[in-house]
Amino acid sequence: ARMSADASLAEVTRFFAAYNLVCAPVVD
């Protein structure tokens, strides 16, 4: 999965926790 630039801090936090990441892409 990838994140959009307007994803909120809460959404970013859940994204990292869900996919066990330390780095994630931001795509338009």
PDB file of all heavy atoms in Angstrom:
ATOM      1  N   ALA A   1       0.835  -1.202   0.000  1.00  0.00           N
ATOM      2  CA  ALA A   1       0.000   0.000   0.000  1.00  0.00           C
ATOM      3  C   ALA A   1       0.865   1.245   0.000  1.00  0.00           C
ATOM      4  O   ALA A   1       2.039   1.214   0.363  1.00  0.00           O
ATOM      5  CB  ALA A   1      -0.932  -0.016   1.206  1.00  0.00           C
ATOM      6  N   ARG A   2       0.268   2.356  -0.406  1.00  0.00           N
ATOM      7  CA  ARG A   2       0.965   3.645  -0.382  1.00  0.00           C
ATOM      8  C   ARG A   2       0.033   4.686   0.209  1.00  0.00           C
ATOM      9  O   ARG A   2      -1.187   4.476   0.284  1.00  0.00           O
ATOM     10  CB  ARG A   2       1.451   4.036  -1.778  1.00  0.00           C
ATOM     11  CG  ARG A   2       0.413   4.361  -2.836  1.00  0.00           C
ATOM     12  CD  ARG A   2      -0.308   3.177  -3.438  1.00  0.00           C
ATOM     13  NE  ARG A   2       0.557   2.139  -3.980  1.00  0.00           N
ATOM     14  CZ  ARG A   2       0.992   2.110  -5.228  1.00  0.00           C
ATOM     15  NH1 ARG A   2       0.640   3.062  -6.071  1.00  0.00           N
ATOM     16  NH2 ARG A   2       1.726   1.106  -5.651  1.00  0.00           N
ATOM     17  N   MET A   3       0.594   5.811   0.630  1.00  0.00           N
ATOM     18  CA  MET A   3      -0.185   6.864   1.267  1.00  0.00           C
ATOM     19  C   MET A   3      -0.341   8.053   0.332  1.00  0.00           C
ATOM     20  O   MET A   3       0.530   8.305  -0.507  1.00  0.00           O
ATOM     21  CB  MET A   3       0.494   7.330   2.564  1.00  0.00           C
ATOM     22  CG  MET A   3       0.522   6.297   3.663  1.00  0.00           C
ATOM     23  SD  MET A   3       1.306   6.945   5.163  1.00  0.00           S
ATOM     24  CE  MET A   3       2.989   7.196   4.589  1.00  0.00           C
ATOM     25  N   SER A   4      -1.409   8.792   0.517  1.00  0.00           N
ATOM     26  CA  SER A   4      -1.580  10.049  -0.197  1.00  0.00           C
ATOM     27  C   SER A   4      -0.978  11.171   0.634  1.00  0.00           C
ATOM     28  O   SER A   4      -0.827  11.043   1.853  1.00  0.00           O
ATOM     29  CB  SER A   4      -3.063  10.327  -0.454  1.00  0.00           C
ATOM     30  OG  SER A   4      -3.744  10.512   0.779  1.00  0.00           O
ATOM     31  N   ALA A   5      -0.639  12.264  -0.013  1.00  0.00           N
ATOM     32  CA  ALA A   5       0.025  13.369   0.681  1.00  0.00           C
ATOM     33  C   ALA A   5      -0.857  14.007   1.741  1.00  0.00           C
ATOM     34  O   ALA A   5      -0.345  14.585   2.705  1.00  0.00           O
ATOM     35  CB  ALA A   5       0.477  14.423  -0.328  1.00  0.00           C
ATOM     36  N   ASP A   6      -2.188  13.910   1.596  1.00  0.00           N
ATOM     37  CA  ASP A   6      -3.074  14.545   2.566  1.00  0.00           C
ATOM     38  C   ASP A   6      -3.534  13.591   3.665  1.00  0.00           C
ATOM     39  O   ASP A   6      -4.413  13.915   4.459  1.00  0.00           O
ATOM     40  CB  ASP A   6      -4.299  15.147   1.865  1.00  0.00           C
ATOM     41  CG  ASP A   6      -5.092  14.103   1.078  1.00  0.00           C
ATOM     42  OD1 ASP A   6      -4.663  12.935   1.036  1.00  0.00           O
ATOM     43  OD2 ASP A   6      -6.134  14.486   0.505  1.00  0.00           O
ATOM     44  N   ALA A   7      -2.923  12.400   3.769  1.00  0.00           N
ATOM     45  CA  ALA A   7      -3.260  11.475   4.858  1.00  0.00           C
ATOM     46  C   ALA A   7      -2.912  12.119   6.199  1.00  0.00           C
ATOM     47  O   ALA A   7      -1.845  12.723   6.360  1.00  0.00           O
ATOM     48  CB  ALA A   7      -2.491  10.167   4.682  1.00  0.00           C
ATOM     49  N   SER A   8      -3.793  12.020   7.164  1.00  0.00           N
ATOM     50  CA  SER A   8      -3.591  12.653   8.467  1.00  0.00           C
ATOM     51  C   SER A   8      -2.534  11.897   9.280  1.00  0.00           C
ATOM     52  O   SER A   8      -2.172  10.762   8.967  1.00  0.00           O
ATOM     53  CB  SER A   8      -4.899  12.678   9.248  1.00  0.00           C
ATOM     54  OG  SER A   8      -5.281  11.365   9.610  1.00  0.00           O
ATOM     55  N   LEU A   9      -2.070  12.547  10.351  1.00  0.00           N
ATOM     56  CA  LEU A   9      -1.078  11.921  11.219  1.00  0.00           C
ATOM     57  C   LEU A   9      -1.609  10.614  11.799  1.00  0.00           C
ATOM     58  O   LEU A   9      -0.876   9.619  11.877  1.00  0.00           O
ATOM     59  CB  LEU A   9      -0.694  12.888  12.342  1.00  0.00           C
ATOM     60  CG  LEU A   9       0.331  12.386  13.363  1.00  0.00           C
ATOM     61  CD1 LEU A   9       1.647  12.028  12.693  1.00  0.00           C
ATOM     62  CD2 LEU A   9       0.555  13.435  14.448  1.00  0.00           C
ATOM     63  N   ALA A  10      -2.881  10.593  12.184  1.00  0.00           N
ATOM     64  CA  ALA A  10      -3.472   9.364  12.722  1.00  0.00           C
ATOM     65  C   ALA A  10      -3.475   8.266  11.675  1.00  0.00           C
ATOM     66  O   ALA A  10      -3.189   7.097  11.975  1.00  0.00           O
ATOM     67  CB  ALA A  10      -4.889   9.646  13.215  1.00  0.00           C
ATOM     68  N   GLU A  11      -3.791   8.608  10.425  1.00  0.00           N
ATOM     69  CA  GLU A  11      -3.802   7.617   9.349  1.00  0.00           C
ATOM     70  C   GLU A  11      -2.392   7.102   9.075  1.00  0.00           C
ATOM     71  O   GLU A  11      -2.192   5.909   8.830  1.00  0.00           O
ATOM     72  CB  GLU A  11      -4.399   8.224   8.080  1.00  0.00           C
ATOM     73  CG  GLU A  11      -5.890   8.525   8.180  1.00  0.00           C
ATOM     74  CD  GLU A  11      -6.409   9.308   6.981  1.00  0.00           C
ATOM     75  OE1 GLU A  11      -5.662  10.172   6.454  1.00  0.00           O
ATOM     76  OE2 GLU A  11      -7.559   9.060   6.586  1.00  0.00           O
ATOM     77  N   VAL A  12      -1.412   7.994   9.117  1.00  0.00           N
ATOM     78  CA  VAL A  12      -0.019   7.595   8.903  1.00  0.00           C
ATOM     79  C   VAL A  12       0.424   6.629   9.997  1.00  0.00           C
ATOM     80  O   VAL A  12       1.064   5.601   9.733  1.00  0.00           O
ATOM     81  CB  VAL A  12       0.907   8.827   8.866  1.00  0.00           C
ATOM     82  CG1 VAL A  12       2.373   8.403   8.819  1.00  0.00           C
ATOM     83  CG2 VAL A  12       0.586   9.709   7.662  1.00  0.00           C
ATOM     84  N   THR A  13       0.068   6.941  11.234  1.00  0.00           N
ATOM     85  CA  THR A  13       0.451   6.089  12.365  1.00  0.00           C
ATOM     86  C   THR A  13      -0.151   4.694  12.219  1.00  0.00           C
ATOM     87  O   THR A  13       0.537   3.683  12.407  1.00  0.00           O
ATOM     88  CB  THR A  13      -0.008   6.727  13.683  1.00  0.00           C
ATOM     89  OG1 THR A  13       0.507   8.059  13.779  1.00  0.00           O
ATOM     90  CG2 THR A  13       0.494   5.932  14.866  1.00  0.00           C
ATOM     91  N   ARG A  14      -1.429   4.618  11.873  1.00  0.00           N
ATOM     92  CA  ARG A  14      -2.078   3.317  11.687  1.00  0.00           C
ATOM     93  C   ARG A  14      -1.454   2.556  10.520  1.00  0.00           C
ATOM     94  O   ARG A  14      -1.313   1.332  10.566  1.00  0.00           O
ATOM     95  CB  ARG A  14      -3.576   3.512  11.459  1.00  0.00           C
ATOM     96  CG  ARG A  14      -4.332   3.938  12.719  1.00  0.00           C
ATOM     97  CD  ARG A  14      -5.827   3.763  12.541  1.00  0.00           C
ATOM     98  NE  ARG A  14      -6.367   4.662  11.508  1.00  0.00           N
ATOM     99  CZ  ARG A  14      -6.830   5.866  11.744  1.00  0.00           C
ATOM    100  NH1 ARG A  14      -6.813   6.359  12.991  1.00  0.00           N
ATOM    101  NH2 ARG A  14      -7.318   6.616  10.765  1.00  0.00           N
ATOM    102  N   PHE A  15      -1.067   3.289   9.462  1.00  0.00           N
ATOM    103  CA  PHE A  15      -0.437   2.672   8.296  1.00  0.00           C
ATOM    104  C   PHE A  15       0.862   1.978   8.707  1.00  0.00           C
ATOM    105  O   PHE A  15       1.110   0.822   8.329  1.00  0.00           O
ATOM    106  CB  PHE A  15      -0.173   3.745   7.238  1.00  0.00           C
ATOM    107  CG  PHE A  15       0.349   3.228   5.929  1.00  0.00           C
ATOM    108  CD1 PHE A  15      -0.510   2.936   4.886  1.00  0.00           C
ATOM    109  CD2 PHE A  15       1.712   3.035   5.729  1.00  0.00           C
ATOM    110  CE1 PHE A  15      -0.034   2.459   3.667  1.00  0.00           C
ATOM    111  CE2 PHE A  15       2.201   2.564   4.525  1.00  0.00           C
ATOM    112  CZ  PHE A  15       1.328   2.280   3.491  1.00  0.00           C
ATOM    113  N   PHE A  16       1.702   2.679   9.469  1.00  0.00           N
ATOM    114  CA  PHE A  16       2.979   2.105   9.901  1.00  0.00           C
ATOM    115  C   PHE A  16       2.757   0.897  10.804  1.00  0.00           C
ATOM    116  O   PHE A  16       3.468  -0.110  10.702  1.00  0.00           O
ATOM    117  CB  PHE A  16       3.815   3.167  10.627  1.00  0.00           C
ATOM    118  CG  PHE A  16       4.684   3.974   9.714  1.00  0.00           C
ATOM    119  CD1 PHE A  16       4.153   4.978   8.926  1.00  0.00           C
ATOM    120  CD2 PHE A  16       6.040   3.738   9.630  1.00  0.00           C
ATOM    121  CE1 PHE A  16       4.941   5.725   8.076  1.00  0.00           C
ATOM    122  CE2 PHE A  16       6.853   4.468   8.780  1.00  0.00           C
ATOM    123  CZ  PHE A  16       6.296   5.468   7.998  1.00  0.00           C
ATOM    124  N   ALA A  17       1.778   0.995  11.700  1.00  0.00           N
ATOM    125  CA  ALA A  17       1.512  -0.115  12.611  1.00  0.00           C
ATOM    126  C   ALA A  17       0.948  -1.324  11.866  1.00  0.00           C
ATOM    127  O   ALA A  17       1.320  -2.473  12.142  1.00  0.00           O
ATOM    128  CB  ALA A  17       0.535   0.330  13.699  1.00  0.00           C
ATOM    129  N   ALA A  18       0.067  -1.079  10.897  1.00  0.00           N
ATOM    130  CA  ALA A  18      -0.584  -2.179  10.180  1.00  0.00           C
ATOM    131  C   ALA A  18       0.397  -2.965   9.323  1.00  0.00           C
ATOM    132  O   ALA A  18       0.304  -4.196   9.216  1.00  0.00           O
ATOM    133  CB  ALA A  18      -1.721  -1.631   9.312  1.00  0.00           C
ATOM    134  N   TYR A  19       1.377  -2.272   8.724  1.00  0.00           N
ATOM    135  CA  TYR A  19       2.284  -2.937   7.793  1.00  0.00           C
ATOM    136  C   TYR A  19       3.690  -3.145   8.366  1.00  0.00           C
ATOM    137  O   TYR A  19       4.591  -3.580   7.643  1.00  0.00           O
ATOM    138  CB  TYR A  19       2.369  -2.140   6.489  1.00  0.00           C
ATOM    139  CG  TYR A  19       1.055  -2.112   5.736  1.00  0.00           C
ATOM    140  CD1 TYR A  19       0.244  -0.979   5.780  1.00  0.00           C
ATOM    141  CD2 TYR A  19       0.610  -3.216   5.018  1.00  0.00           C
ATOM    142  CE1 TYR A  19      -0.977  -0.942   5.104  1.00  0.00           C
ATOM    143  CE2 TYR A  19      -0.600  -3.196   4.341  1.00  0.00           C
ATOM    144  CZ  TYR A  19      -1.391  -2.055   4.397  1.00  0.00           C
ATOM    145  OH  TYR A  19      -2.594  -2.026   3.735  1.00  0.00           O
ATOM    146  N   ASN A  20       3.884  -2.839   9.655  1.00  0.00           N
ATOM    147  CA  ASN A  20       5.181  -3.054  10.321  1.00  0.00           C
ATOM    148  C   ASN A  20       6.330  -2.390   9.561  1.00  0.00           C
ATOM    149  O   ASN A  20       7.353  -3.019   9.254  1.00  0.00           O
ATOM    150  CB  ASN A  20       5.466  -4.550  10.475  1.00  0.00           C
ATOM    151  CG  ASN A  20       4.453  -5.237  11.361  1.00  0.00           C
ATOM    152  OD1 ASN A  20       4.056  -4.694  12.398  1.00  0.00           O
ATOM    153  ND2 ASN A  20       4.013  -6.415  10.967  1.00  0.00           N
ATOM    154  N   LEU A  21       6.158  -1.103   9.231  1.00  0.00           N
ATOM    155  CA  LEU A  21       7.134  -0.387   8.415  1.00  0.00           C
ATOM    156  C   LEU A  21       7.942   0.603   9.233  1.00  0.00           C
ATOM    157  O   LEU A  21       7.521   1.047  10.307  1.00  0.00           O
ATOM    158  CB  LEU A  21       6.413   0.363   7.290  1.00  0.00           C
ATOM    159  CG  LEU A  21       5.661  -0.484   6.264  1.00  0.00           C
ATOM    160  CD1 LEU A  21       4.857   0.418   5.336  1.00  0.00           C
ATOM    161  CD2 LEU A  21       6.631  -1.347   5.470  1.00  0.00           C
ATOM    162  N   VAL A  22       9.112   0.959   8.717  1.00  0.00           N
ATOM    163  CA  VAL A  22       9.871   2.090   9.244  1.00  0.00           C
ATOM    164  C   VAL A  22      10.015   3.172   8.175  1.00  0.00           C
ATOM    165  O   VAL A  22      10.558   4.241   8.430  1.00  0.00           O
ATOM    166  CB  VAL A  22      11.262   1.668   9.758  1.00  0.00           C
ATOM    167  CG1 VAL A  22      11.135   0.772  10.976  1.00  0.00           C
ATOM    168  CG2 VAL A  22      12.070   0.983   8.665  1.00  0.00           C
ATOM    169  N   CYS A  23       9.540   2.889   6.967  1.00  0.00           N
ATOM    170  CA  CYS A  23       9.590   3.843   5.863  1.00  0.00           C
ATOM    171  C   CYS A  23       8.450   3.498   4.909  1.00  0.00           C
ATOM    172  O   CYS A  23       8.170   2.310   4.680  1.00  0.00           O
ATOM    173  CB  CYS A  23      10.938   3.756   5.148  1.00  0.00           C
ATOM    174  SG  CYS A  23      11.176   4.926   3.781  1.00  0.00           S
ATOM    175  N   ALA A  24       7.762   4.520   4.378  1.00  0.00           N
ATOM    176  CA  ALA A  24       6.597   4.255   3.526  1.00  0.00           C
ATOM    177  C   ALA A  24       6.495   5.308   2.427  1.00  0.00           C
ATOM    178  O   ALA A  24       6.826   6.482   2.642  1.00  0.00           O
ATOM    179  CB  ALA A  24       5.321   4.249   4.360  1.00  0.00           C
ATOM    180  N   PRO A  25       6.011   4.907   1.227  1.00  0.00           N
ATOM    181  CA  PRO A  25       5.926   5.843   0.096  1.00  0.00           C
ATOM    182  C   PRO A  25       4.719   6.767   0.181  1.00  0.00           C
ATOM    183  O   PRO A  25       3.661   6.389   0.686  1.00  0.00           O
ATOM    184  CB  PRO A  25       5.803   4.904  -1.105  1.00  0.00           C
ATOM    185  CG  PRO A  25       5.107   3.697  -0.549  1.00  0.00           C
ATOM    186  CD  PRO A  25       5.599   3.543   0.856  1.00  0.00           C
ATOM    187  N   VAL A  26       4.900   7.982  -0.341  1.00  0.00           N
ATOM    188  CA  VAL A  26       3.803   8.942  -0.489  1.00  0.00           C
ATOM    189  C   VAL A  26       3.636   9.192  -1.985  1.00  0.00           C
ATOM    190  O   VAL A  26       4.582   9.624  -2.656  1.00  0.00           O
ATOM    191  CB  VAL A  26       4.096  10.260   0.247  1.00  0.00           C
ATOM    192  CG1 VAL A  26       2.938  11.240   0.064  1.00  0.00           C
ATOM    193  CG2 VAL A  26       4.345  10.001   1.727  1.00  0.00           C
ATOM    194  N   VAL A  27       2.434   8.905  -2.505  1.00  0.00           N
ATOM    195  CA  VAL A  27       2.185   8.933  -3.953  1.00  0.00           C
ATOM    196  C   VAL A  27       0.983   9.818  -4.239  1.00  0.00           C
ATOM    197  O   VAL A  27       0.025   9.848  -3.470  1.00  0.00           O
ATOM    198  CB  VAL A  27       1.935   7.495  -4.469  1.00  0.00           C
ATOM    199  CG1 VAL A  27       1.677   7.480  -5.969  1.00  0.00           C
ATOM    200  CG2 VAL A  27       3.121   6.592  -4.133  1.00  0.00           C
ATOM    201  N   ASP A  28       1.038  10.563  -5.370  1.00  0.00           N
ATOM    202  CA  ASP A  28      -0.105  11.416  -5.718  1.00  0.00           C
ATOM    203  C   ASP A  28      -1.124  10.642  -6.550  1.00  0.00           C
ATOM    204  O   ASP A  28      -0.956   9.450  -6.829  1.00  0.00           O
ATOM    205  CB  ASP A  28       0.362  12.691  -6.436  1.00  0.00           C
ATOM    206  CG  ASP A  28       0.998  12.414  -7.799  1.00  0.00           C
ATOM    207  OD1 ASP A  28       0.832  11.291  -8.334  1.00  0.00           O
ATOM    208  OD2 ASP A  28       1.649  13.333  -8.342  1.00  0.00           O
TER     209      ASP A  28
END
